[in-house]
């Protein structure tokens, strides 16, 4: 990576909520208008605990209150984006640290986020997830939920 790259580390927290062989997902809308399914969750506010961030983000994106039951793992996602007219003349070196919890819905009603980064929240049958346009986090979170690796990491 060239030294002129804009570097950014983004810690984020997510919850895997599974009921009756269905998983709670949120549909993320990119800056270009593309839509991909993701886990409910998102970036930490400065100084925010990841546990609290996951609870807050699930409520914002789905309308549900969630109780986090256990830490499933941490995923490290690193990607470089080329320069573009929206983000500037320098490449962007992005490093996402994604903290993934198992959660249980305890209240609230399913609703879509308004004026946020997602436009739809839904319970999706686990058997249908493979057919969805989704980001890699969905597959990683499901693998962590199913495998529960001792070190909280899915091998690349």
Protein backbone atom coordinates (compact mmCIF):
# COMPACT_ATOMS: atom_id res chain seq x y z
CA UNK A 1 0.00 0.00 0.00
CA UNK A 2 1.38 3.36 -0.94
CA UNK A 3 2.14 5.89 1.79
CA UNK A 4 -0.46 8.32 0.41
CA UNK A 5 -3.31 5.91 1.16
CA UNK A 6 -5.97 7.12 3.57
CA UNK A 7 -6.05 4.56 6.38
CA UNK A 8 -9.11 3.88 8.46
CA UNK A 9 -9.82 1.37 11.22
CA UNK A 10 -13.50 0.85 12.02
CA UNK A 11 -14.51 -1.23 15.04
CA UNK A 12 -18.08 -2.50 14.84
CA UNK A 13 -20.35 -4.86 16.78
CA UNK A 14 -23.09 -7.17 15.49
CA UNK A 15 -25.64 -9.65 16.84
CA UNK A 16 -26.59 -13.03 15.42
CA UNK A 17 -30.24 -13.65 16.32
CA UNK A 18 -31.67 -17.00 15.23
CA UNK A 19 -35.22 -18.20 15.95
CA UNK A 20 -37.05 -21.16 14.39
CA UNK A 21 -34.29 -21.69 11.79
CA UNK A 22 -34.56 -18.03 10.69
CA UNK A 23 -31.90 -15.35 11.08
CA UNK A 24 -32.49 -11.65 11.59
CA UNK A 25 -30.80 -9.63 8.84
CA UNK A 26 -30.72 -5.99 7.78
CA UNK A 27 -30.33 -4.83 4.19
CA UNK A 28 -27.46 -2.36 3.79
CA UNK A 29 -27.58 0.29 1.05
CA UNK A 30 -24.22 1.31 -0.43
CA UNK A 31 -23.38 4.88 -1.48
CA UNK A 32 -23.95 3.73 -5.07
CA UNK A 33 -27.44 2.43 -4.18
CA UNK A 34 -26.57 -1.27 -4.26
CA UNK A 35 -28.31 -3.40 -1.62
CA UNK A 36 -26.71 -6.26 0.29
CA UNK A 37 -27.90 -8.19 3.34
CA UNK A 38 -25.82 -7.87 6.49
CA UNK A 39 -26.00 -8.60 10.18
CA UNK A 40 -27.78 -6.07 12.37
CA UNK A 41 -25.08 -3.98 13.96
CA UNK A 42 -22.54 -1.39 13.05
CA UNK A 43 -19.82 1.01 14.03
CA UNK A 44 -18.98 1.93 17.58
CA UNK A 45 -19.36 5.53 18.69
CA UNK A 46 -16.12 6.93 20.13
CA UNK A 47 -15.67 5.49 23.64
CA UNK A 48 -18.64 3.11 23.30
CA UNK A 49 -18.39 -0.46 24.59
CA UNK A 50 -18.92 -3.04 21.79
CA UNK A 51 -21.56 -4.83 23.89
CA UNK A 52 -23.59 -1.63 24.18
CA UNK A 53 -23.04 -0.79 20.50
CA UNK A 54 -24.47 -4.15 19.35
CA UNK A 55 -27.60 -3.61 21.48
CA UNK A 56 -28.02 -0.04 20.22
CA UNK A 57 -27.47 -0.94 16.57
CA UNK A 58 -29.93 -3.87 16.62
CA UNK A 59 -32.59 -1.54 18.05
CA UNK A 60 -31.83 1.17 15.46
CA UNK A 61 -31.86 -1.19 12.47
CA UNK A 62 -34.64 -3.63 13.42
CA UNK A 63 -36.79 -2.15 16.19
CA UNK A 64 -35.99 -5.04 18.51
CA UNK A 65 -34.49 -5.08 21.97
CA UNK A 66 -31.84 -7.77 22.21
CA UNK A 67 -30.08 -9.52 25.05
CA UNK A 68 -26.56 -10.57 24.15
CA UNK A 69 -25.90 -14.12 25.33
CA UNK A 70 -22.29 -14.72 24.38
CA UNK A 71 -19.36 -13.49 22.36
CA UNK A 72 -19.05 -15.61 19.22
CA UNK A 73 -15.88 -14.10 17.84
CA UNK A 74 -14.01 -11.29 16.12
CA UNK A 75 -13.44 -10.96 12.39
CA UNK A 76 -10.73 -8.81 10.83
CA UNK A 77 -11.64 -7.47 7.39
CA UNK A 78 -8.98 -5.61 5.36
CA UNK A 79 -9.56 -4.14 1.90
CA UNK A 80 -8.04 -1.41 -0.27
CA UNK A 81 -10.23 0.79 -2.43
CA UNK A 82 -8.89 2.72 -5.41
CA UNK A 83 -9.22 6.50 -5.65
CA UNK A 84 -12.61 7.70 -6.87
CA UNK A 85 -14.47 10.99 -7.44
CA UNK A 86 -16.55 10.65 -4.24
CA UNK A 87 -13.78 9.71 -1.78
CA UNK A 88 -10.84 11.59 -3.23
CA UNK A 89 -7.62 11.13 -5.18
CA UNK A 90 -5.91 8.79 -2.69
CA UNK A 91 -6.51 5.06 -2.31
CA UNK A 92 -8.34 4.04 0.86
CA UNK A 93 -6.89 1.34 3.11
CA UNK A 94 -9.82 0.07 5.24
CA UNK A 95 -9.51 -2.28 8.22
CA UNK A 96 -12.76 -3.41 9.83
CA UNK A 97 -12.76 -5.15 13.21
CA UNK A 98 -16.12 -6.89 13.52
CA UNK A 99 -17.12 -8.11 16.99
CA UNK A 100 -19.89 -10.68 16.75
CA UNK A 101 -22.26 -11.68 19.56
CA UNK A 102 -25.09 -14.17 19.83
CA UNK A 103 -28.31 -12.41 20.76
CA UNK A 104 -31.86 -13.20 21.78
CA UNK A 105 -34.79 -10.92 21.00
CA UNK A 106 -36.50 -9.80 24.22
CA UNK A 107 -38.93 -7.12 23.02
CA UNK A 108 -39.87 -4.55 20.45
CA UNK A 109 -41.45 -4.96 17.03
CA UNK A 110 -39.79 -5.57 13.70
CA UNK A 111 -39.50 -2.37 11.70
CA UNK A 112 -37.20 -0.87 9.12
CA UNK A 113 -34.58 1.75 9.96
CA UNK A 114 -35.38 5.28 8.87
CA UNK A 115 -32.66 7.60 7.56
CA UNK A 116 -29.89 5.10 8.24
CA UNK A 117 -27.53 2.84 6.38
CA UNK A 118 -30.11 0.03 6.08
CA UNK A 119 -33.55 0.10 4.46
CA UNK A 120 -35.08 -3.24 5.43
CA UNK A 121 -35.01 -5.68 8.35
CA UNK A 122 -36.33 -9.23 8.00
CA UNK A 123 -36.27 -12.75 9.35
CA UNK A 124 -34.75 -14.93 6.62
CA UNK A 125 -34.84 -18.75 6.67
CA UNK A 126 -31.26 -19.97 7.19
CA UNK A 127 -31.70 -22.33 4.22
CA UNK A 128 -32.29 -19.32 1.91
CA UNK A 129 -29.36 -17.13 2.97
CA UNK A 130 -27.00 -18.57 0.34
CA UNK A 131 -29.24 -17.21 -2.44
CA UNK A 132 -29.21 -13.64 -1.10
CA UNK A 133 -26.91 -10.82 -2.19
CA UNK A 134 -24.93 -10.40 1.05
CA UNK A 135 -21.67 -9.17 2.47
CA UNK A 136 -19.09 -11.67 3.74
CA UNK A 137 -19.97 -10.83 7.35
CA UNK A 138 -23.22 -12.81 7.06
CA UNK A 139 -21.40 -16.05 6.19
CA UNK A 140 -18.77 -15.45 8.87
CA UNK A 141 -21.39 -14.74 11.53
CA UNK A 142 -23.40 -17.86 10.64
CA UNK A 143 -20.22 -19.98 10.71
CA UNK A 144 -19.31 -18.57 14.15
CA UNK A 145 -22.86 -19.28 15.37
CA UNK A 146 -22.78 -22.88 14.11
CA UNK A 147 -19.17 -23.82 14.85
CA UNK A 148 -18.49 -21.79 18.02
CA UNK A 149 -14.71 -22.05 17.60
CA UNK A 150 -12.71 -21.91 20.84
CA UNK A 151 -10.67 -18.96 19.63
CA UNK A 152 -13.66 -17.10 18.16
CA UNK A 153 -12.18 -17.04 14.69
CA UNK A 154 -13.11 -18.61 11.37
CA UNK A 155 -9.99 -19.48 9.40
CA UNK A 156 -9.70 -17.57 6.09
